Each structure stands twice: as structure tokens, then as C-alpha cells.
């Protein structure tokens, strides 16, 4: 019993020491870097070697720092055969032709911390950036140069653009090398599909132009009709007002015919002869007395 009581704590201590050693010590390879975190915060970054961390508290994230390669515009199946990806390889040139162009990208992690924490999927972001750069550069070259003499300049320009975008985005990746694998006219199926797209675009432009022409023809006509309606409405409103005025005046005439006649006479004279001079004379004398000054 005494021996059992003695060995039990020893076993526990040995087991704890083994667990601490297993979880505390870790090795970083020659082509790796380790990012150490504690409670979600970055503690340090380790290069190749044997290290110790706080067991069960600190965590180790190993990042592969070797150079990786991927094809753009094609993918390799299990048998090693390259299969064209039309959604990535087909580009439009400056002379509005289409070309199939494939690239091979070599890249690696430049900043393990940024690689782990600045984006969810840095490889996918890198691929999208590269496709954007390829489309922008290829669209500056005619199809003949893309297929023949312009490959070297195209890959240099694409790499420069990609390097600038990676530096600005800070996703922890860098471009090691970029080469044009192949450039050729697209398949008949792709050509036919793009012809259909171009036909649809031209039909759309034709419909837009026809609609604008109809608008330019019909808008002045509609405005003229609207003016006519406005003039007609104005005249109708004026006539209705005159009719109401006449009816009111007639009611006054029936009540006071003499006074109404005189008032109408004076108003007519005032309207017809607004600047007439009033002179009183007996009809016989030669002396006239103007009263406009009194």
C-alpha cells in the first residue's frame, strides 16, 4: 500500500511532464516559419529550429515558405494532361479579336502573419488579381503580337502590375516568376459564342438608336400638342370667365338699366380714348376752356 501511494504521485508527475514536453516543444523546418499566438494575439514569429512555448496556452501556426506554382488558363488532371479553362484563358485584344493565352505563376509566402490574418483565402485573391492584370495588358496588344512577338513584353507587364497590386493589398504573397505558356486563337465554339454575344450587342445598340430616333421625332410633336391643349384650355377658361362676367352684368342691368348703361358707356370711352382731352364749350364761342389742368 505504501509503495502504491508513493508511485501514484510519481506517475502523475511523469505524465504531466510528458504532456508538457509534447505540447511545449515544437520544431520549425528549413522551409517553414511558425507564428505563435496567445489568446488570439501574435506573440512572435520563429524560423527553422527547436522551440518551446507555453503548453496549452500558446498555439503554433506553421506556414510553408516554399515556392508554389499554378496554371492560369488551364488545369492539370490526374493523368498529367493540361485541360484549357475557357473562363480564364480567353482574352480580347486591342483589335477586338479573341485569343487563348495561358500563364504559369510561381509564388510564395512573403509575410506569414499577413498571409494568415489579412485575408480569408489569399491564393484565390492572388488568382483573381492575376486574371485582372492579364486582361488589362492583353487588351493593349493586337492579336498578332499576342500570338507571336509580344509574349515577353506581355509577361513582363503583367508581372509588374501583379507585383504592385500584391504590395498594395498586403495579403502576404509575392510573385516569384510568371511565364506565358501558350497563345493561340480560341476554339470554334468560343468564337461562335462571342459572335453571338457581339450580334446581341449590336442588336441592342440598334434598338437603342431606334428608340432615340422615335423619341426625337415624337417629343416635339407631343410638346406642340401639349401647347395646343394649354392654349385651348386657356381660351375656354377665358370664355367661361367672360360668360360669368356678362351674366353678372346682365343681372345688374335688369335691376338698374340706366345706371348700368352709363357706366358701360364711360368704361368704353375710358378704354377707347384713354388720353382724350375733355373740353367744355357751348358750341358758339371761339374760346375753349380745357379742364385737364384743373
Protein backbone atom coordinates (compact mmCIF):
# COMPACT_ATOMS: atom_id res chain seq x y z
CA UNK A 1 0.00 0.00 0.00
CA UNK A 2 2.80 2.40 0.89
CA UNK A 3 4.55 1.64 -2.41
CA UNK A 4 1.34 2.28 -4.34
CA UNK A 5 0.85 5.61 -2.54
CA UNK A 6 4.43 6.53 -3.38
CA UNK A 7 4.33 5.57 -7.06
CA UNK A 8 0.98 7.28 -7.81
CA UNK A 9 2.22 10.88 -7.45
CA UNK A 10 5.38 9.98 -9.36
CA UNK A 11 3.33 8.60 -12.24
CA UNK A 12 1.17 11.71 -12.27
CA UNK A 13 4.22 13.98 -12.31
CA UNK A 14 5.84 11.97 -15.11
CA UNK A 15 2.64 12.01 -17.15
CA UNK A 16 2.29 15.77 -16.68
CA UNK A 17 5.91 16.29 -17.69
CA UNK A 18 5.40 14.21 -20.81
CA UNK A 19 2.29 16.21 -21.77
CA UNK A 20 4.11 19.48 -21.18
CA UNK A 21 7.03 18.32 -23.30
CA UNK A 22 4.77 17.09 -26.08
CA UNK A 23 2.74 20.30 -26.22
CA UNK A 24 5.51 22.71 -25.25
CA UNK A 25 8.31 21.82 -27.68
CA UNK A 26 7.91 22.17 -31.42
CA UNK A 27 10.17 22.11 -34.48
CA UNK A 28 10.15 24.51 -37.43
CA UNK A 29 11.51 23.17 -40.74
CA UNK A 30 14.05 24.80 -43.02
CA UNK A 31 11.36 25.95 -45.48
CA UNK A 32 8.83 26.92 -42.82
CA UNK A 33 8.04 29.71 -40.40
CA UNK A 34 5.93 29.50 -37.27
CA UNK A 35 3.57 32.18 -36.00
CA UNK A 36 2.97 31.89 -32.23
CA UNK A 37 -0.29 33.27 -30.82
CA UNK A 38 -1.71 33.50 -27.33
CA UNK A 39 -5.37 34.31 -26.74
CA UNK A 40 -5.67 35.44 -30.36
CA UNK A 41 -2.71 37.86 -30.21
CA UNK A 42 0.55 37.32 -32.11
CA UNK A 43 3.49 36.68 -29.78
CA UNK A 44 6.35 36.09 -32.21
CA UNK A 45 7.46 34.50 -35.47
CA UNK A 46 10.02 31.66 -35.48
CA UNK A 47 12.25 30.42 -38.27
CA UNK A 48 13.89 26.96 -38.54
CA UNK A 49 14.82 25.32 -35.25
CA UNK A 50 13.55 23.75 -31.99
CA UNK A 51 11.45 26.00 -29.75
CA UNK A 52 9.38 25.92 -26.59
CA UNK A 53 6.02 27.57 -25.98
CA UNK A 54 3.67 27.75 -23.04
CA UNK A 55 1.78 24.45 -23.09
CA UNK A 56 -1.96 24.56 -23.74
CA UNK A 57 -1.91 28.39 -23.80
CA UNK A 58 0.12 29.35 -26.83
CA UNK A 59 -0.62 27.98 -30.30
CA UNK A 60 1.72 27.33 -33.21
CA UNK A 61 0.74 28.05 -36.85
CA UNK A 62 3.20 26.56 -39.33
CA UNK A 63 3.42 28.36 -42.70
CA UNK A 64 5.05 26.76 -45.75
CA UNK A 65 7.55 29.25 -47.22
CA UNK A 66 8.47 27.23 -50.33
CA UNK A 67 7.68 28.35 -53.88
CA UNK A 68 4.40 27.06 -55.33
CA UNK A 69 3.19 27.01 -58.93
CA UNK A 70 -0.21 27.16 -60.57
CA UNK A 71 -1.52 27.38 -64.12
CA UNK A 72 -3.71 30.26 -65.29
CA UNK A 73 -5.98 29.40 -68.20
CA UNK A 74 -5.57 25.67 -67.80
CA UNK A 75 -5.57 22.93 -65.17
CA UNK A 76 -3.80 19.57 -64.97
CA UNK A 77 -5.84 16.40 -64.49
CA UNK A 78 -4.70 13.26 -62.69
CA UNK A 79 -3.05 11.85 -65.79
CA UNK A 80 -0.90 14.97 -66.15
CA UNK A 81 -2.75 16.31 -69.18
CA UNK A 82 -3.41 20.05 -69.41
CA UNK A 83 -7.07 21.00 -69.88
CA UNK A 84 -7.93 24.50 -71.10
CA UNK A 85 -10.19 26.64 -68.92
CA UNK A 86 -12.06 28.92 -71.31
CA UNK A 87 -13.31 31.16 -68.48
CA UNK A 88 -9.69 32.12 -67.73
CA UNK A 89 -7.78 31.72 -71.00
CA UNK A 90 -9.96 33.59 -73.50
CA UNK A 91 -8.94 37.27 -73.73
CA UNK A 92 -9.94 40.14 -76.03
CA UNK A 93 -7.20 42.06 -77.84
CA UNK A 94 -6.90 45.71 -78.81
CA UNK A 95 -8.16 44.98 -82.36
CA UNK A 96 -11.25 43.24 -80.92
CA UNK A 97 -10.13 39.71 -81.65
CA UNK A 98 -10.05 36.80 -79.23
CA UNK A 99 -7.08 34.75 -78.16
CA UNK A 100 -6.41 31.81 -75.86
CA UNK A 101 -3.43 32.63 -73.65
CA UNK A 102 -2.07 30.52 -70.76
CA UNK A 103 0.31 31.52 -67.97
CA UNK A 104 2.27 29.69 -65.31
CA UNK A 105 2.65 31.53 -62.00
CA UNK A 106 5.26 30.82 -59.33
CA UNK A 107 4.60 32.42 -55.95
CA UNK A 108 5.43 32.08 -52.28
CA UNK A 109 4.57 33.50 -48.88
CA UNK A 110 6.46 36.70 -48.13
CA UNK A 111 4.84 37.60 -44.79
CA UNK A 112 3.41 34.70 -42.75
CA UNK A 113 1.46 36.97 -40.41
CA UNK A 114 -0.24 38.83 -43.28
CA UNK A 115 -0.81 35.53 -45.07
CA UNK A 116 -2.65 34.07 -42.06
CA UNK A 117 -4.66 37.07 -40.88
CA UNK A 118 -5.09 39.72 -43.59
CA UNK A 119 -7.43 37.68 -45.82
CA UNK A 120 -9.53 34.53 -45.76
CA UNK A 121 -8.21 33.00 -48.98
CA UNK A 122 -5.02 34.72 -50.21
CA UNK A 123 -4.41 32.20 -53.03
CA UNK A 124 -7.82 32.90 -54.53
CA UNK A 125 -7.25 36.65 -54.24
CA UNK A 126 -3.89 36.23 -55.98
CA UNK A 127 -5.53 34.32 -58.83
CA UNK A 128 -8.20 36.97 -59.34
CA UNK A 129 -5.58 39.73 -59.27
CA UNK A 130 -3.53 37.93 -61.92
CA UNK A 131 -6.55 37.45 -64.20
CA UNK A 132 -7.33 41.15 -63.90
CA UNK A 133 -3.76 42.07 -64.81
CA UNK A 134 -3.71 39.70 -67.78
CA UNK A 135 -6.95 41.09 -69.22
CA UNK A 136 -5.75 44.67 -68.79
CA UNK A 137 -2.40 44.01 -70.52
CA UNK A 138 -3.62 41.76 -73.34
CA UNK A 139 -6.27 44.32 -74.28
CA UNK A 140 -3.43 46.73 -75.17
CA UNK A 141 -1.94 44.42 -77.84
CA UNK A 142 -3.27 43.31 -81.27
CA UNK A 143 -3.87 39.62 -81.72
CA UNK A 144 -0.82 39.10 -83.98
CA UNK A 145 1.58 40.42 -81.34
CA UNK A 146 -0.06 38.38 -78.58
CA UNK A 147 0.44 35.17 -80.56
CA UNK A 148 3.94 35.95 -81.89
CA UNK A 149 6.35 38.70 -80.85
CA UNK A 150 4.64 40.29 -77.87
CA UNK A 151 4.74 37.41 -75.37
CA UNK A 152 7.84 38.55 -73.48
CA UNK A 153 6.63 42.13 -73.10
CA UNK A 154 3.18 40.90 -72.05
CA UNK A 155 4.53 38.69 -69.28
CA UNK A 156 6.81 41.48 -68.03
CA UNK A 157 3.95 43.98 -67.93
CA UNK A 158 1.61 41.51 -66.22
CA UNK A 159 4.23 40.69 -63.59
CA UNK A 160 4.86 44.37 -62.84
CA UNK A 161 1.15 45.04 -62.45
CA UNK A 162 0.71 42.00 -60.23
CA UNK A 163 3.67 42.97 -58.03
CA UNK A 164 2.20 46.43 -57.47
CA UNK A 165 -1.24 45.01 -56.62
CA UNK A 166 0.21 42.49 -54.17
CA UNK A 167 2.19 45.22 -52.41
CA UNK A 168 -0.93 47.38 -52.11
CA UNK A 169 -3.21 44.56 -50.88
CA UNK A 170 -0.71 43.14 -48.32
CA UNK A 171 -2.01 39.56 -48.36
CA UNK A 172 1.40 38.08 -47.57
CA UNK A 173 2.17 36.62 -51.02
CA UNK A 174 4.71 37.58 -53.66
CA UNK A 175 5.19 36.73 -57.32
CA UNK A 176 8.41 34.79 -57.92
CA UNK A 177 8.06 34.28 -61.67
CA UNK A 178 5.45 34.46 -64.42
CA UNK A 179 5.71 32.99 -67.91
CA UNK A 180 3.43 32.75 -70.93
CA UNK A 181 2.88 29.08 -71.68
CA UNK A 182 0.96 29.35 -74.93
CA UNK A 183 -1.09 31.76 -77.04
CA UNK A 184 -3.36 30.73 -79.90
CA UNK A 185 -6.70 31.59 -81.46
CA UNK A 186 -9.68 30.29 -79.45
CA UNK A 187 -11.71 27.24 -80.44
CA UNK A 188 -14.53 27.44 -82.97
CA UNK A 189 -17.06 27.01 -80.16
CA UNK A 190 -15.72 30.03 -78.29
CA UNK A 191 -15.56 32.10 -81.49
CA UNK A 192 -19.20 31.27 -82.25
CA UNK A 193 -20.24 32.15 -78.70
CA UNK A 194 -18.52 35.52 -78.87
CA UNK A 195 -20.06 36.17 -82.30
CA UNK A 196 -23.47 35.59 -80.76
CA UNK A 197 -22.63 37.98 -77.96
CA UNK A 198 -21.45 40.60 -80.45
CA UNK A 199 -24.61 40.13 -82.53
CA UNK A 200 -26.74 40.61 -79.43
CA UNK A 201 -24.77 43.74 -78.51
CA UNK A 202 -25.24 45.20 -81.99
CA UNK A 203 -28.97 44.39 -81.86
CA UNK A 204 -29.16 46.16 -78.52
CA UNK A 205 -27.41 49.24 -79.93
CA UNK A 206 -29.77 49.22 -82.93
CA UNK A 207 -32.81 49.11 -80.66
CA UNK A 208 -31.42 51.93 -78.51
CA UNK A 209 -30.77 54.09 -81.59
CA UNK A 210 -34.25 53.38 -82.94
CA UNK A 211 -35.77 54.34 -79.61
CA UNK A 212 -33.77 57.59 -79.52
CA UNK A 213 -34.85 58.39 -83.10
CA UNK A 214 -38.50 57.78 -82.21
CA UNK A 215 -38.06 59.98 -79.15
CA UNK A 216 -36.55 62.82 -81.20
CA UNK A 217 -39.45 62.56 -83.68
CA UNK A 218 -42.28 62.25 -81.21
CA UNK A 219 -41.13 64.61 -78.46
CA UNK A 220 -41.54 67.89 -80.47
CA UNK A 221 -44.91 66.67 -81.71
CA UNK A 222 -46.03 65.86 -78.17
CA UNK A 223 -44.82 69.24 -76.93
CA UNK A 224 -46.72 71.02 -79.72
CA UNK A 225 -49.89 69.09 -78.88
CA UNK A 226 -49.41 69.95 -75.23
CA UNK A 227 -49.10 73.66 -76.15
CA UNK A 228 -52.27 73.44 -78.21
CA UNK A 229 -54.11 71.82 -75.33
CA UNK A 230 -52.83 74.54 -72.99
CA UNK A 231 -53.96 77.33 -75.38
CA UNK A 232 -57.34 75.68 -75.81
CA UNK A 233 -57.77 75.33 -72.07
CA UNK A 234 -56.78 78.96 -71.58
CA UNK A 235 -59.30 80.14 -74.16
CA UNK A 236 -62.04 78.01 -72.66
CA UNK A 237 -61.29 79.39 -69.20
CA UNK A 238 -61.30 82.95 -70.58
CA UNK A 239 -64.61 82.39 -72.36
CA UNK A 240 -66.15 80.94 -69.22
CA UNK A 241 -64.95 83.98 -67.28
CA UNK A 242 -66.42 86.36 -69.87
CA UNK A 243 -69.71 84.49 -69.76
CA UNK A 244 -69.86 84.75 -65.99
CA UNK A 245 -68.98 88.47 -66.21
CA UNK A 246 -71.73 89.02 -68.80
CA UNK A 247 -74.29 87.19 -66.69
CA UNK A 248 -73.38 89.26 -63.63
CA UNK A 249 -73.54 92.44 -65.67
CA UNK A 250 -76.95 91.44 -67.10
CA UNK A 251 -78.30 90.89 -63.61
CA UNK A 252 -77.16 94.42 -62.70
CA UNK A 253 -78.70 95.80 -65.92
CA UNK A 254 -82.06 94.26 -65.11
CA UNK A 255 -82.01 95.87 -61.70
CA UNK A 256 -80.60 99.30 -62.77
CA UNK A 257 -80.76 99.66 -66.55
CA UNK A 258 -79.94 103.42 -66.82
CA UNK A 259 -77.04 103.41 -64.38
CA UNK A 260 -75.60 100.28 -65.95
CA UNK A 261 -75.78 101.81 -69.47
CA UNK A 262 -74.00 104.95 -68.34
CA UNK A 263 -71.29 103.00 -66.52
CA UNK A 264 -70.72 100.81 -69.57
CA UNK A 265 -70.54 103.92 -71.77
CA UNK A 266 -67.98 105.59 -69.53
CA UNK A 267 -65.89 102.45 -69.25
CA UNK A 268 -65.92 102.05 -73.04
CA UNK A 269 -64.87 105.66 -73.63
CA UNK A 270 -62.13 105.35 -71.00
CA UNK A 271 -60.83 102.20 -72.65
CA UNK A 272 -61.06 103.52 -76.23
CA UNK A 273 -59.81 107.07 -75.54
CA UNK A 274 -57.52 106.83 -72.53
CA UNK A 275 -55.59 110.01 -73.49
CA UNK A 276 -58.53 112.14 -74.75
CA UNK A 277 -58.78 115.73 -73.50
CA UNK A 278 -62.09 116.87 -72.03
CA UNK A 279 -63.20 120.40 -73.22
CA UNK A 280 -66.42 122.20 -72.24
CA UNK A 281 -67.95 124.54 -74.86
CA UNK A 282 -71.35 125.98 -75.63
CA UNK A 283 -70.87 125.35 -79.33
CA UNK A 284 -70.94 129.03 -80.30
CA UNK A 285 -67.91 130.74 -78.74
CA UNK A 286 -64.45 130.52 -80.19
CA UNK A 287 -62.82 130.38 -76.78
CA UNK A 288 -62.33 126.84 -75.47
CA UNK A 289 -61.57 126.05 -71.88
CA UNK A 290 -59.57 122.78 -71.32
CA UNK A 291 -60.25 121.34 -67.90
CA UNK A 292 -57.44 118.80 -67.79
CA UNK A 293 -55.32 121.23 -65.75
CA UNK A 294 -57.92 121.77 -63.06
